[in-house]
C-alpha atoms as a PDB file:
ATOM      1  CA  MET A   1     -61.785  93.694-113.234  1.00  0.00           C
ATOM      2  CA  ARG A   2     -63.143  93.363-110.176  1.00  0.00           C
ATOM      3  CA  ASN A   3     -67.072  92.060-109.279  1.00  0.00           C
ATOM      4  CA  PRO A   4     -68.465  95.273-106.803  1.00  0.00           C
ATOM      5  CA  PHE A   5     -71.247  92.453-105.790  1.00  0.00           C
ATOM      6  CA  HIS A   6     -68.813  90.049-104.747  1.00  0.00           C
ATOM      7  CA  PHE A   7     -68.269  91.641-100.704  1.00  0.00           C
ATOM      8  CA  ASP A   8     -65.071  88.832-100.878  1.00  0.00           C
ATOM      9  CA  PRO A   9     -64.992  86.021-102.693  1.00  0.00           C
ATOM     10  CA  ALA A  10     -62.438  84.156-100.501  1.00  0.00           C
ATOM     11  CA  GLN A  11     -65.194  84.281 -97.935  1.00  0.00           C
ATOM     12  CA  VAL A  12     -68.333  83.045-100.484  1.00  0.00           C
ATOM     13  CA  ALA A  13     -67.678  79.847-102.475  1.00  0.00           C
ATOM     14  CA  VAL A  14     -70.337  81.081-104.595  1.00  0.00           C
ATOM     15  CA  ASP A  15     -70.260  80.083-108.544  1.00  0.00           C
ATOM     16  CA  GLY A  16     -71.329  82.744-110.845  1.00  0.00           C
ATOM     17  CA  PRO A  17     -70.987  85.069-113.813  1.00  0.00           C
ATOM     18  CA  SER A  18     -68.246  87.693-113.157  1.00  0.00           C
ATOM     19  CA  ALA A  19     -70.952  90.288-113.158  1.00  0.00           C
ATOM     20  CA  LEU A  20     -75.165  90.339-112.249  1.00  0.00           C
ATOM     21  CA  ASP A  21     -77.385  89.338-115.263  1.00  0.00           C
ATOM     22  CA  LEU A  22     -79.544  92.100-115.400  1.00  0.00           C
ATOM     23  CA  GLY A  23     -81.719  90.499-117.357  1.00  0.00           C
ATOM     24  CA  ARG A  24     -83.039  88.864-114.532  1.00  0.00           C
ATOM     25  CA  PRO A  25     -84.929  90.455-111.570  1.00  0.00           C
ATOM     26  CA  LEU A  26     -82.871  91.999-109.261  1.00  0.00           C
ATOM     27  CA  HIS A  27     -83.996  92.403-105.592  1.00  0.00           C
ATOM     28  CA  VAL A  28     -82.157  94.217-103.409  1.00  0.00           C
ATOM     29  CA  GLU A  29     -81.627  94.500 -99.551  1.00  0.00           C
ATOM     30  CA  VAL A  30     -80.666  97.300 -97.445  1.00  0.00           C
ATOM     31  CA  GLY A  31     -79.046  97.072 -94.242  1.00  0.00           C
ATOM     32  CA  PHE A  32     -79.638  93.222 -93.563  1.00  0.00           C
ATOM     33  CA  GLY A  33     -77.418  92.908 -90.430  1.00  0.00           C
ATOM     34  CA  LYS A  34     -78.091  89.348 -88.893  1.00  0.00           C
ATOM     35  CA  ASP A  35     -80.988  88.616 -89.977  1.00  0.00           C
ATOM     36  CA  VAL A  36     -81.305  86.075 -92.933  1.00  0.00           C
ATOM     37  CA  ARG A  37     -84.677  87.342 -94.547  1.00  0.00           C
ATOM     38  CA  ILE A  38     -83.098  87.602 -97.896  1.00  0.00           C
ATOM     39  CA  LEU A  39     -81.848  84.516 -97.700  1.00  0.00           C
ATOM     40  CA  ARG A  40     -85.086  82.828 -97.587  1.00  0.00           C
ATOM     41  CA  GLU A  41     -86.469  84.820-100.188  1.00  0.00           C
ATOM     42  CA  ALA A  42     -83.259  83.503-102.383  1.00  0.00           C
ATOM     43  CA  ALA A  43     -83.974  79.983-102.210  1.00  0.00           C
ATOM     44  CA  GLN A  44     -87.945  80.457-102.831  1.00  0.00           C
ATOM     45  CA  ARG A  45     -86.608  82.032-106.001  1.00  0.00           C
ATOM     46  CA  PRO A  46     -83.349  80.783-107.553  1.00  0.00           C
ATOM     47  CA  ASP A  47     -83.757  82.311-110.540  1.00  0.00           C
ATOM     48  CA  ASP A  48     -84.339  86.139-109.537  1.00  0.00           C
ATOM     49  CA  TRP A  49     -80.716  87.843-108.077  1.00  0.00           C
ATOM     50  CA  PHE A  50     -80.111  89.608-104.978  1.00  0.00           C
ATOM     51  CA  LEU A  51     -78.107  91.779-103.436  1.00  0.00           C
ATOM     52  CA  GLY A  52     -77.167  92.597-100.226  1.00  0.00           C
ATOM     53  CA  VAL A  53     -75.780  96.096 -98.963  1.00  0.00           C
ATOM     54  CA  GLU A  54     -74.265  96.338 -95.003  1.00  0.00           C
ATOM     55  CA  ILE A  55     -71.850  98.772 -94.183  1.00  0.00           C
ATOM     56  CA  SER A  56     -70.962  96.533 -90.995  1.00  0.00           C
ATOM     57  CA  ARG A  57     -67.900  94.640 -92.277  1.00  0.00           C
ATOM     58  CA  LYS A  58     -68.553  92.005 -89.364  1.00  0.00           C
ATOM     59  CA  LYS A  59     -72.276  91.366 -90.465  1.00  0.00           C
ATOM     60  CA  ALA A  60     -71.064  91.245 -94.277  1.00  0.00           C
ATOM     61  CA  VAL A  61     -68.738  88.571 -93.712  1.00  0.00           C
ATOM     62  CA  LYS A  62     -71.205  86.409 -91.602  1.00  0.00           C
ATOM     63  CA  PHE A  63     -73.379  86.806 -94.484  1.00  0.00           C
ATOM     64  CA  CYS A  64     -71.175  85.963 -97.139  1.00  0.00           C
ATOM     65  CA  GLN A  65     -70.592  82.531 -95.116  1.00  0.00           C
ATOM     66  CA  LYS A  66     -74.287  81.996 -94.941  1.00  0.00           C
ATOM     67  CA  VAL A  67     -74.787  82.220 -98.185  1.00  0.00           C
ATOM     68  CA  ALA A  68     -71.977  79.625 -98.835  1.00  0.00           C
ATOM     69  CA  ARG A  69     -73.038  77.193 -96.370  1.00  0.00           C
ATOM     70  CA  ALA A  70     -76.693  77.715 -97.818  1.00  0.00           C
ATOM     71  CA  GLY A  71     -75.423  76.850-101.206  1.00  0.00           C
ATOM     72  CA  LEU A  72     -77.281  79.812-102.924  1.00  0.00           C
ATOM     73  CA  ARG A  73     -76.239  80.710-106.206  1.00  0.00           C
ATOM     74  CA  ASN A  74     -78.376  84.004-107.011  1.00  0.00           C
ATOM     75  CA  VAL A  75     -77.028  86.108-103.922  1.00  0.00           C
ATOM     76  CA  ARG A  76     -74.760  88.446-103.554  1.00  0.00           C
ATOM     77  CA  ALA A  77     -73.427  90.919-100.918  1.00  0.00           C
ATOM     78  CA  PHE A  78     -71.508  94.564-100.850  1.00  0.00           C
ATOM     79  CA  ASN A  79     -69.874  95.568 -97.770  1.00  0.00           C
ATOM     80  CA  GLY A  80     -70.204  99.622 -98.393  1.00  0.00           C
ATOM     81  CA  ASP A  81     -72.797 103.086 -97.969  1.00  0.00           C
ATOM     82  CA  VAL A  82     -75.803 102.085 -99.860  1.00  0.00           C
ATOM     83  CA  ARG A  83     -75.171 105.657-101.619  1.00  0.00           C
ATOM     84  CA  SER A  84     -72.500 104.472-103.741  1.00  0.00           C
ATOM     85  CA  VAL A  85     -74.286 101.285-104.840  1.00  0.00           C
ATOM     86  CA  LEU A  86     -77.455 103.692-105.676  1.00  0.00           C
ATOM     87  CA  GLN A  87     -75.064 105.977-107.253  1.00  0.00           C
ATOM     88  CA  GLU A  88     -72.370 103.979-109.381  1.00  0.00           C
ATOM     89  CA  MET A  89     -73.908 100.691-109.704  1.00  0.00           C
ATOM     90  CA  LEU A  90     -77.325 100.576-110.039  1.00  0.00           C
ATOM     91  CA  PRO A  91     -78.514 101.269-114.166  1.00  0.00           C
ATOM     92  CA  PRO A  92     -81.815 103.116-114.376  1.00  0.00           C
ATOM     93  CA  GLY A  93     -84.935 100.677-114.584  1.00  0.00           C
ATOM     94  CA  SER A  94     -82.313  97.732-112.978  1.00  0.00           C
ATOM     95  CA  VAL A  95     -84.081  96.697-109.733  1.00  0.00           C
ATOM     96  CA  SER A  96     -87.067  95.225-108.888  1.00  0.00           C
ATOM     97  CA  SER A  97     -87.532  95.770-105.598  1.00  0.00           C
ATOM     98  CA  PHE A  98     -86.028  97.547-102.299  1.00  0.00           C
ATOM     99  CA  THR A  99     -86.412  96.186 -98.838  1.00  0.00           C
ATOM    100  CA  VAL A 100     -85.357  98.763 -96.263  1.00  0.00           C
ATOM    101  CA  LEU A 101     -86.673  97.088 -92.967  1.00  0.00           C
ATOM    102  CA  PHE A 102     -85.551  99.151 -89.353  1.00  0.00           C
ATOM    103  CA  PRO A 103     -82.964 101.363 -90.861  1.00  0.00           C
ATOM    104  CA  ASP A 104     -80.941 103.260 -88.245  1.00  0.00           C
ATOM    105  CA  PRO A 105     -83.168 106.604 -87.226  1.00  0.00           C
ATOM    106  CA  TRP A 106     -80.251 108.718 -85.940  1.00  0.00           C
ATOM    107  CA  PRO A 107     -83.018 109.968 -83.824  1.00  0.00           C
ATOM    108  CA  LYS A 108     -81.451 113.058 -82.098  1.00  0.00           C
ATOM    109  CA  ARG A 109     -81.575 116.235 -84.394  1.00  0.00           C
ATOM    110  CA  ARG A 110     -77.786 116.809 -85.014  1.00  0.00           C
ATOM    111  CA  GLN A 111     -77.460 113.030 -86.555  1.00  0.00           C
ATOM    112  CA  ARG A 112     -80.365 113.126 -89.278  1.00  0.00           C
ATOM    113  CA  LYS A 113     -78.086 113.620 -91.695  1.00  0.00           C
ATOM    114  CA  HIS A 114     -76.472 110.240 -91.313  1.00  0.00           C
ATOM    115  CA  ARG A 115     -80.326 109.003 -92.021  1.00  0.00           C
ATOM    116  CA  TRP A 116     -79.873 107.448 -95.950  1.00  0.00           C
ATOM    117  CA  ILE A 117     -83.353 108.055 -97.319  1.00  0.00           C
ATOM    118  CA  GLN A 118     -83.139 111.425 -98.165  1.00  0.00           C
ATOM    119  CA  GLU A 119     -84.777 113.277-100.809  1.00  0.00           C
ATOM    120  CA  GLU A 120     -81.302 112.495-102.571  1.00  0.00           C
ATOM    121  CA  THR A 121     -81.019 109.234-102.615  1.00  0.00           C
ATOM    122  CA  ALA A 122     -85.005 108.586-102.768  1.00  0.00           C
ATOM    123  CA  HIS A 123     -84.963 109.914-105.906  1.00  0.00           C
ATOM    124  CA  ARG A 124     -81.961 107.290-107.184  1.00  0.00           C
ATOM    125  CA  VAL A 125     -84.172 104.802-105.439  1.00  0.00           C
ATOM    126  CA  ALA A 126     -86.929 105.625-107.955  1.00  0.00           C
ATOM    127  CA  ARG A 127     -84.810 105.914-111.168  1.00  0.00           C
ATOM    128  CA  ALA A 128     -83.223 102.682-110.146  1.00  0.00           C
ATOM    129  CA  LEU A 129     -86.601 100.708-110.345  1.00  0.00           C
ATOM    130  CA  VAL A 130     -88.254  99.210-112.645  1.00  0.00           C
ATOM    131  CA  PRO A 131     -91.419 100.488-113.970  1.00  0.00           C
ATOM    132  CA  GLY A 132     -94.086  98.823-111.254  1.00  0.00           C
ATOM    133  CA  GLY A 133     -90.830  98.260-108.948  1.00  0.00           C
ATOM    134  CA  GLU A 134     -91.466  98.411-105.319  1.00  0.00           C
ATOM    135  CA  VAL A 135     -90.052  99.434-102.455  1.00  0.00           C
ATOM    136  CA  THR A 136     -90.928  97.626 -98.661  1.00  0.00           C
ATOM    137  CA  VAL A 137     -89.594  99.916 -95.620  1.00  0.00           C
ATOM    138  CA  ALA A 138     -90.358  99.533 -91.732  1.00  0.00           C
ATOM    139  CA  THR A 139     -89.407 101.599 -88.996  1.00  0.00           C
ATOM    140  CA  ASP A 140     -90.649 102.273 -85.297  1.00  0.00           C
ATOM    141  CA  HIS A 141     -89.819 105.715 -85.549  1.00  0.00           C
ATOM    142  CA  ALA A 142     -92.369 108.486 -85.984  1.00  0.00           C
ATOM    143  CA  GLY A 143     -90.041 111.032 -87.061  1.00  0.00           C
ATOM    144  CA  TYR A 144     -88.045 108.886 -89.873  1.00  0.00           C
ATOM    145  CA  LEU A 145     -91.721 107.830 -90.979  1.00  0.00           C
ATOM    146  CA  GLY A 146     -92.338 111.280 -91.768  1.00  0.00           C
ATOM    147  CA  GLN A 147     -89.143 111.701 -93.495  1.00  0.00           C
ATOM    148  CA  ILE A 148     -90.033 108.609 -95.617  1.00  0.00           C
ATOM    149  CA  ARG A 149     -92.811 109.734 -96.155  1.00  0.00           C
ATOM    150  CA  ALA A 150     -91.897 113.210 -97.542  1.00  0.00           C
ATOM    151  CA  CYS A 151     -88.810 112.053 -99.530  1.00  0.00           C
ATOM    152  CA  PHE A 152     -91.052 109.156-101.934  1.00  0.00           C
ATOM    153  CA  LEU A 153     -93.835 110.924-102.614  1.00  0.00           C
ATOM    154  CA  LEU A 154     -91.289 113.975-103.599  1.00  0.00           C
ATOM    155  CA  ALA A 155     -89.509 110.859-105.564  1.00  0.00           C
ATOM    156  CA  GLY A 156     -92.128 110.326-107.914  1.00  0.00           C
ATOM    157  CA  LEU A 157     -93.296 106.716-105.815  1.00  0.00           C
ATOM    158  CA  VAL A 158     -96.695 105.532-104.878  1.00  0.00           C
ATOM    159  CA  LEU A 159     -97.631 104.436-101.110  1.00  0.00           C
ATOM    160  CA  GLU A 160     -99.837 101.003-101.941  1.00  0.00           C
ATOM    161  CA  HIS A 161     -99.845  99.752 -98.319  1.00  0.00           C
ATOM    162  CA  GLU A 162     -99.299 100.813 -95.011  1.00  0.00           C
ATOM    163  CA  SER A 163    -100.162  98.693 -91.729  1.00  0.00           C
ATOM    164  CA  PRO A 164     -99.027  98.726 -88.103  1.00  0.00           C
ATOM    165  CA  GLU A 165     -98.666  94.865 -88.449  1.00  0.00           C
ATOM    166  CA  ILE A 166     -95.178  93.011 -90.300  1.00  0.00           C
ATOM    167  CA  PRO A 167     -96.084  90.218 -92.579  1.00  0.00           C
ATOM    168  CA  GLU A 168     -94.755  87.047 -91.662  1.00  0.00           C
ATOM    169  CA  GLY A 169     -92.160  86.965 -94.675  1.00  0.00           C
ATOM    170  CA  ASP A 170     -90.324  89.878 -93.599  1.00  0.00           C
ATOM    171  CA  ARG A 171     -90.271  89.581 -89.923  1.00  0.00           C
ATOM    172  CA  THR A 172     -86.598  90.391 -88.833  1.00  0.00           C
ATOM    173  CA  LEU A 173     -84.894  90.208 -85.156  1.00  0.00           C
ATOM    174  CA  PHE A 174     -85.735  93.581 -84.990  1.00  0.00           C
ATOM    175  CA  ALA A 175     -89.697  93.050 -86.217  1.00  0.00           C
ATOM    176  CA  GLU A 176     -90.052  90.331 -83.331  1.00  0.00           C
ATOM    177  CA  ARG A 177     -88.296  92.798 -80.504  1.00  0.00           C
ATOM    178  CA  PHE A 178     -90.186  94.975 -81.178  1.00  0.00           C
ATOM    179  CA  GLN A 179     -93.775  93.147 -80.982  1.00  0.00           C
ATOM    180  CA  ARG A 180     -92.542  91.608 -77.412  1.00  0.00           C
ATOM    181  CA  LEU A 181     -92.441  95.248 -76.338  1.00  0.00           C
ATOM    182  CA  ALA A 182     -95.367  96.145 -77.774  1.00  0.00           C
ATOM    183  CA  GLN A 183     -93.375  99.480 -79.724  1.00  0.00           C
ATOM    184  CA  GLY A 184     -95.165 100.310 -82.322  1.00  0.00           C
ATOM    185  CA  VAL A 185     -94.036 100.112 -85.806  1.00  0.00           C
ATOM    186  CA  THR A 186     -95.265 101.191 -89.192  1.00  0.00           C
ATOM    187  CA  TYR A 187     -95.107  98.759 -92.723  1.00  0.00           C
ATOM    188  CA  GLN A 188     -94.901 100.134 -96.244  1.00  0.00           C
ATOM    189  CA  ARG A 189     -94.560  99.357 -99.088  1.00  0.00           C
ATOM    190  CA  TRP A 190     -94.437 102.031-102.200  1.00  0.00           C
ATOM    191  CA  ARG A 191     -94.692 100.984-105.999  1.00  0.00           C
ATOM    192  CA  LYS A 192     -93.316 103.042-108.698  1.00  0.00           C
ATOM    193  CA  ALA A 193     -95.758 103.778-111.483  1.00  0.00           C
ATOM    194  CA  GLY A 194     -95.410 102.484-114.562  1.00  0.00           C
ATOM    195  CA  PRO A 195     -97.544 102.007-117.718  1.00  0.00           C
ATOM    196  CA  LYS A 196    -101.313 100.155-117.408  1.00  0.00           C
ATOM    197  CA  GLY A 197    -100.592  97.089-117.520  1.00  0.00           C
ATOM    198  CA  GLN A 198     -97.331  96.746-115.416  1.00  0.00           C
ATOM    199  CA  GLU A 199     -98.582  95.957-112.077  1.00  0.00           C
ATOM    200  CA  SER A 200     -96.021  94.930-109.593  1.00  0.00           C
ATOM    201  CA  ASP A 201     -95.504  91.450-107.888  1.00  0.00           C
ATOM    202  CA  ARG A 202     -93.094  92.298-104.998  1.00  0.00           C
ATOM    203  CA  GLY A 203     -91.404  94.437-108.405  1.00  0.00           C
ATOM    204  CA  ARG A 204     -92.071  92.048-111.610  1.00  0.00           C
ATOM    205  CA  ARG A 205     -93.246  92.821-114.247  1.00  0.00           C
ATOM    206  CA  ILE A 206     -96.893  91.441-115.761  1.00  0.00           C
ATOM    207  CA  PRO A 207     -97.612  91.495-119.203  1.00  0.00           C
ATOM    208  CA  THR A 208    -101.261  92.659-120.485  1.00  0.00           C
ATOM    209  CA  THR A 209    -102.997  89.545-120.905  1.00  0.00           C
END
């Protein structure tokens, strides 16, 4: 069976198991585009899995080539719609963190149905998270921000942090562009509630001492 987490084995010279070992923390980034943020994270956490989901085939191929050049063995890519990943590939309680930085806001009213953060997908995100798992999201669009907030609250997630500043580790090409233009952005971290003692460190479970 083809491993769905390899976008194209011919493009990725990365050794690894035929399927992700979900006993290890899994971090998912949605729409990585041209950025290499996920590669920096993966290099810093060699014992964790990182999955990048990108709908653009061209960007996914280039990403896979960067993974191969970096020699990272803990990164996988999926070329397609994140909704299919949430629905078919991520078991409940399998994801330590999701990162969604500047998703397409589809600003026109008739386009809003294309926004991937809707009530249904927010519930699927919450379902996939481990207790204490986190969702990091950033947007420059006030209308989409309101929709994100409403959907995540309905899904039972808790807003832990909100700021107009993007931390250095989550800076992307879009973030730098908006900063140059002095265009307002909102950065948020949401958490899935869990039993007492299971607090999140970028989605990791920390046992009670």
